[in-house]
């Protein structure tokens, strides 16, 4: 039996963001890069128009979130934070953390030269995905996913705070010559308004660590921190 690895990756991505698309073609469109030949594209084309829309959706959501976090800040103080949150580098990091790469539809040549790890392609996919979420589920769905996926980036934007455990674990793994850490939700219990997530953090060649949290991000951070502490690395 042949396993469609991309289909599996798409399913994993939907579980990661917590949204099952009603319009499957919209999701396919968001994940289809312009390098894909015309004959293999969705009927709607590729994700460039969604990138355009998603850039605006991200700008709105980031501005809204910053205004709520820093109600007394002036525009000149908020603008650099906004630019950082929607930058290509940030969007690419978010895509990597959500494991968007394996779900992308790329041309064979783009895939062969590492397109699934290219910042510009991953960043565009993050923007297109946010636009697709907005169009499929509305602003509330897009806002929820944004606040989840960009949670680490808000922390990164705060000067002087300790490194996020997930960032520290990634750097530790890279320093050891290992692949990037992976995170897997093992369980979700409790009511919708007060869920508890159980997450496993794993690095190849190292026993995984398991932790709980009130959100997937909190559980992932706790698991990363537990693995770092067990291995004697600082977070």
Protein backbone atom coordinates (compact mmCIF):
# COMPACT_ATOMS: atom_id res chain seq x y z
CA UNK A 1 0.00 0.00 0.00
CA UNK A 2 1.45 3.35 -1.08
CA UNK A 3 1.28 6.13 1.49
CA UNK A 4 0.58 9.64 0.20
CA UNK A 5 3.03 11.49 2.42
CA UNK A 6 1.83 14.90 1.36
CA UNK A 7 -1.79 14.01 2.20
CA UNK A 8 -0.61 12.89 5.62
CA UNK A 9 1.28 16.17 6.04
CA UNK A 10 -1.80 18.18 5.07
CA UNK A 11 -3.86 16.29 7.64
CA UNK A 12 -1.18 16.89 10.28
CA UNK A 13 -1.18 20.59 9.43
CA UNK A 14 -4.94 20.87 9.88
CA UNK A 15 -4.64 19.18 13.27
CA UNK A 16 -1.77 21.49 14.18
CA UNK A 17 -3.79 24.63 13.46
CA UNK A 18 -7.01 23.17 14.86
CA UNK A 19 -9.15 23.84 11.80
CA UNK A 20 -10.61 21.44 9.24
CA UNK A 21 -11.26 23.24 5.99
CA UNK A 22 -14.76 23.11 4.58
CA UNK A 23 -13.41 24.27 1.21
CA UNK A 24 -10.69 21.73 0.47
CA UNK A 25 -9.74 23.48 -2.75
CA UNK A 26 -9.03 26.66 -0.78
CA UNK A 27 -6.54 24.78 1.39
CA UNK A 28 -4.92 23.22 -1.69
CA UNK A 29 -4.66 26.66 -3.25
CA UNK A 30 -2.93 28.06 -0.16
CA UNK A 31 -0.36 25.26 -0.30
CA UNK A 32 0.31 25.40 -4.06
CA UNK A 33 3.44 27.32 -4.98
CA UNK A 34 3.75 29.22 -8.25
CA UNK A 35 6.50 26.82 -9.37
CA UNK A 36 3.89 24.10 -9.96
CA UNK A 37 3.15 23.74 -13.68
CA UNK A 38 -0.21 24.88 -15.03
CA UNK A 39 -1.40 21.36 -15.65
CA UNK A 40 -0.83 20.35 -12.04
CA UNK A 41 -2.25 23.42 -10.32
CA UNK A 42 -5.66 23.63 -8.73
CA UNK A 43 -8.34 25.07 -10.98
CA UNK A 44 -7.87 28.39 -9.18
CA UNK A 45 -4.12 28.60 -9.88
CA UNK A 46 -1.47 29.07 -7.20
CA UNK A 47 -1.23 30.83 -3.83
CA UNK A 48 0.10 34.24 -4.88
CA UNK A 49 -3.24 36.05 -4.58
CA UNK A 50 -3.83 34.45 -1.20
CA UNK A 51 -0.37 35.66 -0.14
CA UNK A 52 -1.49 39.19 -1.02
CA UNK A 53 -4.65 38.84 1.06
CA UNK A 54 -2.88 37.05 3.89
CA UNK A 55 -0.34 39.84 4.22
CA UNK A 56 -3.21 42.21 5.00
CA UNK A 57 -4.91 39.73 7.33
CA UNK A 58 -1.66 39.29 9.27
CA UNK A 59 -1.14 43.04 9.47
CA UNK A 60 -4.59 43.54 10.96
CA UNK A 61 -4.28 40.70 13.46
CA UNK A 62 -0.77 41.70 14.53
CA UNK A 63 -1.76 45.35 14.94
CA UNK A 64 -4.82 44.37 16.95
CA UNK A 65 -2.83 42.05 19.22
CA UNK A 66 -0.09 44.61 19.80
CA UNK A 67 -2.62 47.32 20.66
CA UNK A 68 -4.16 45.01 23.26
CA UNK A 69 -0.79 44.11 24.77
CA UNK A 70 0.60 47.65 24.80
CA UNK A 71 -2.43 49.97 25.17
CA UNK A 72 -0.31 52.95 26.20
CA UNK A 73 2.35 52.58 23.51
CA UNK A 74 2.70 55.15 20.76
CA UNK A 75 2.62 54.34 17.07
CA UNK A 76 6.39 54.73 16.80
CA UNK A 77 6.84 52.05 19.47
CA UNK A 78 4.35 49.63 17.93
CA UNK A 79 5.47 49.89 14.31
CA UNK A 80 8.83 48.07 14.72
CA UNK A 81 7.12 45.26 16.62
CA UNK A 82 4.48 44.99 13.90
CA UNK A 83 7.13 44.84 11.19
CA UNK A 84 8.96 42.11 13.07
CA UNK A 85 5.82 40.01 13.52
CA UNK A 86 4.90 40.04 9.82
CA UNK A 87 8.41 39.91 8.36
CA UNK A 88 9.48 37.20 5.93
CA UNK A 89 11.84 35.69 8.48
CA UNK A 90 9.11 35.50 11.12
CA UNK A 91 6.54 34.00 8.75
CA UNK A 92 9.11 31.42 7.64
CA UNK A 93 9.84 30.47 11.26
CA UNK A 94 6.12 30.08 11.91
CA UNK A 95 5.78 27.83 8.85
CA UNK A 96 8.67 25.67 10.03
CA UNK A 97 7.22 25.38 13.53
CA UNK A 98 3.86 24.33 12.05
CA UNK A 99 5.62 21.88 9.69
CA UNK A 100 4.09 23.48 6.59
CA UNK A 101 6.94 22.42 4.29
CA UNK A 102 5.92 18.77 3.78
CA UNK A 103 2.35 19.87 2.95
CA UNK A 104 3.38 22.22 0.12
CA UNK A 105 2.80 21.49 -3.56
CA UNK A 106 6.02 22.43 -5.38
CA UNK A 107 7.47 21.66 -8.76
CA UNK A 108 9.88 18.73 -8.78
CA UNK A 109 12.79 21.08 -9.43
CA UNK A 110 11.88 23.45 -6.57
CA UNK A 111 11.46 20.55 -4.21
CA UNK A 112 14.79 19.03 -5.28
CA UNK A 113 16.74 22.20 -4.51
CA UNK A 114 15.22 22.54 -1.03
CA UNK A 115 12.21 24.73 -1.71
CA UNK A 116 10.38 23.31 1.28
CA UNK A 117 12.98 24.96 3.52
CA UNK A 118 13.31 28.25 1.61
CA UNK A 119 12.30 31.32 3.63
CA UNK A 120 10.50 33.05 0.78
CA UNK A 121 8.37 29.98 -0.06
CA UNK A 122 7.58 29.20 3.58
CA UNK A 123 6.76 32.81 4.36
CA UNK A 124 4.44 33.05 1.38
CA UNK A 125 2.73 29.85 2.45
CA UNK A 126 2.16 31.24 5.96
CA UNK A 127 0.51 34.33 4.49
CA UNK A 128 -1.58 32.29 2.06
CA UNK A 129 -2.67 29.94 4.83
CA UNK A 130 -3.86 32.84 6.98
CA UNK A 131 -5.87 34.18 4.05
CA UNK A 132 -7.37 30.74 3.47
CA UNK A 133 -8.34 30.49 7.14
CA UNK A 134 -9.95 33.91 6.97
CA UNK A 135 -11.94 33.01 3.88
CA UNK A 136 -12.91 29.53 5.11
CA UNK A 137 -13.70 30.26 8.76
CA UNK A 138 -13.86 34.02 9.17
CA UNK A 139 -11.79 36.47 11.18
CA UNK A 140 -12.31 34.68 14.51
CA UNK A 141 -10.75 31.48 13.17
CA UNK A 142 -7.86 33.40 11.62
CA UNK A 143 -7.32 35.29 14.87
CA UNK A 144 -7.28 32.13 16.98
CA UNK A 145 -4.73 30.42 14.72
CA UNK A 146 -2.61 33.57 14.51
CA UNK A 147 -2.41 33.95 18.29
CA UNK A 148 -1.45 30.28 18.59
CA UNK A 149 1.13 30.08 15.81
CA UNK A 150 2.67 33.50 16.53
CA UNK A 151 2.79 33.09 20.33
CA UNK A 152 6.56 32.49 20.33
CA UNK A 153 7.11 35.48 18.07
CA UNK A 154 5.39 37.83 20.52
CA UNK A 155 7.79 36.59 23.16
CA UNK A 156 10.72 37.02 20.79
CA UNK A 157 9.68 40.65 20.23
CA UNK A 158 9.92 41.42 23.95
CA UNK A 159 13.45 42.63 24.60
CA UNK A 160 15.35 41.26 27.56
CA UNK A 161 13.24 38.18 28.20
CA UNK A 162 14.79 34.69 28.45
CA UNK A 163 14.89 32.60 25.32
CA UNK A 164 11.79 30.60 24.61
CA UNK A 165 12.38 26.90 25.51
CA UNK A 166 11.44 25.77 22.00
CA UNK A 167 14.01 28.13 20.50
CA UNK A 168 16.60 26.97 23.02
CA UNK A 169 15.87 23.32 22.22
CA UNK A 170 16.14 23.98 18.48
CA UNK A 171 19.51 25.68 18.95
CA UNK A 172 20.71 22.87 21.23
CA UNK A 173 19.69 20.23 18.67
CA UNK A 174 21.39 22.10 15.83
CA UNK A 175 24.51 22.49 17.95
CA UNK A 176 24.59 18.72 18.37
CA UNK A 177 24.22 18.18 14.62
CA UNK A 178 20.74 16.72 15.06
CA UNK A 179 17.52 17.36 13.07
CA UNK A 180 15.07 19.97 14.34
CA UNK A 181 12.92 18.98 17.33
CA UNK A 182 9.43 17.63 16.66
CA UNK A 183 6.29 18.00 18.77
CA UNK A 184 3.34 15.63 18.94
CA UNK A 185 0.03 16.08 20.76
CA UNK A 186 -0.56 12.88 22.73
CA UNK A 187 -3.83 13.85 24.38
CA UNK A 188 -6.35 16.65 24.80
CA UNK A 189 -8.70 16.57 27.75
CA UNK A 190 -11.08 18.93 29.48
CA UNK A 191 -13.85 21.20 28.16
CA UNK A 192 -13.34 23.53 25.21
CA UNK A 193 -13.02 26.58 27.48
CA UNK A 194 -10.34 24.94 29.65
CA UNK A 195 -8.48 22.27 27.66
CA UNK A 196 -5.37 20.45 28.85
CA UNK A 197 -2.87 19.34 26.20
CA UNK A 198 -0.31 16.58 26.65
CA UNK A 199 2.61 17.00 24.25
CA UNK A 200 5.75 15.04 23.49
CA UNK A 201 8.96 16.85 22.49
CA UNK A 202 11.44 14.69 20.61
CA UNK A 203 14.95 15.05 19.22
CA UNK A 204 16.49 12.23 17.21
CA UNK A 205 18.75 10.06 19.32
CA UNK A 206 17.39 11.42 22.62
CA UNK A 207 14.56 10.08 24.77
CA UNK A 208 11.49 12.30 24.32
CA UNK A 209 10.01 14.43 27.09
CA UNK A 210 6.30 14.77 27.86
CA UNK A 211 4.52 17.70 29.52
CA UNK A 212 1.07 19.23 29.92
CA UNK A 213 -0.22 22.75 29.34
CA UNK A 214 -3.39 24.83 29.05
CA UNK A 215 -2.67 25.32 25.33
CA UNK A 216 -0.69 23.38 22.75
CA UNK A 217 1.99 26.07 22.77
CA UNK A 218 2.28 25.98 26.57
CA UNK A 219 2.57 22.20 26.55
CA UNK A 220 5.19 22.27 23.77
CA UNK A 221 7.25 24.81 25.73
CA UNK A 222 6.97 22.78 28.92
CA UNK A 223 8.05 19.61 27.11
CA UNK A 224 10.97 21.42 25.46
CA UNK A 225 12.03 22.81 28.83
CA UNK A 226 11.81 19.36 30.42
CA UNK A 227 13.96 17.83 27.70
CA UNK A 228 16.55 20.59 27.99
CA UNK A 229 16.74 20.28 31.77
CA UNK A 230 17.08 16.51 31.57
CA UNK A 231 19.92 16.81 29.06
CA UNK A 232 21.67 19.42 31.18
CA UNK A 233 21.16 22.26 28.70
CA UNK A 234 20.08 25.75 29.68
CA UNK A 235 16.80 27.23 28.42
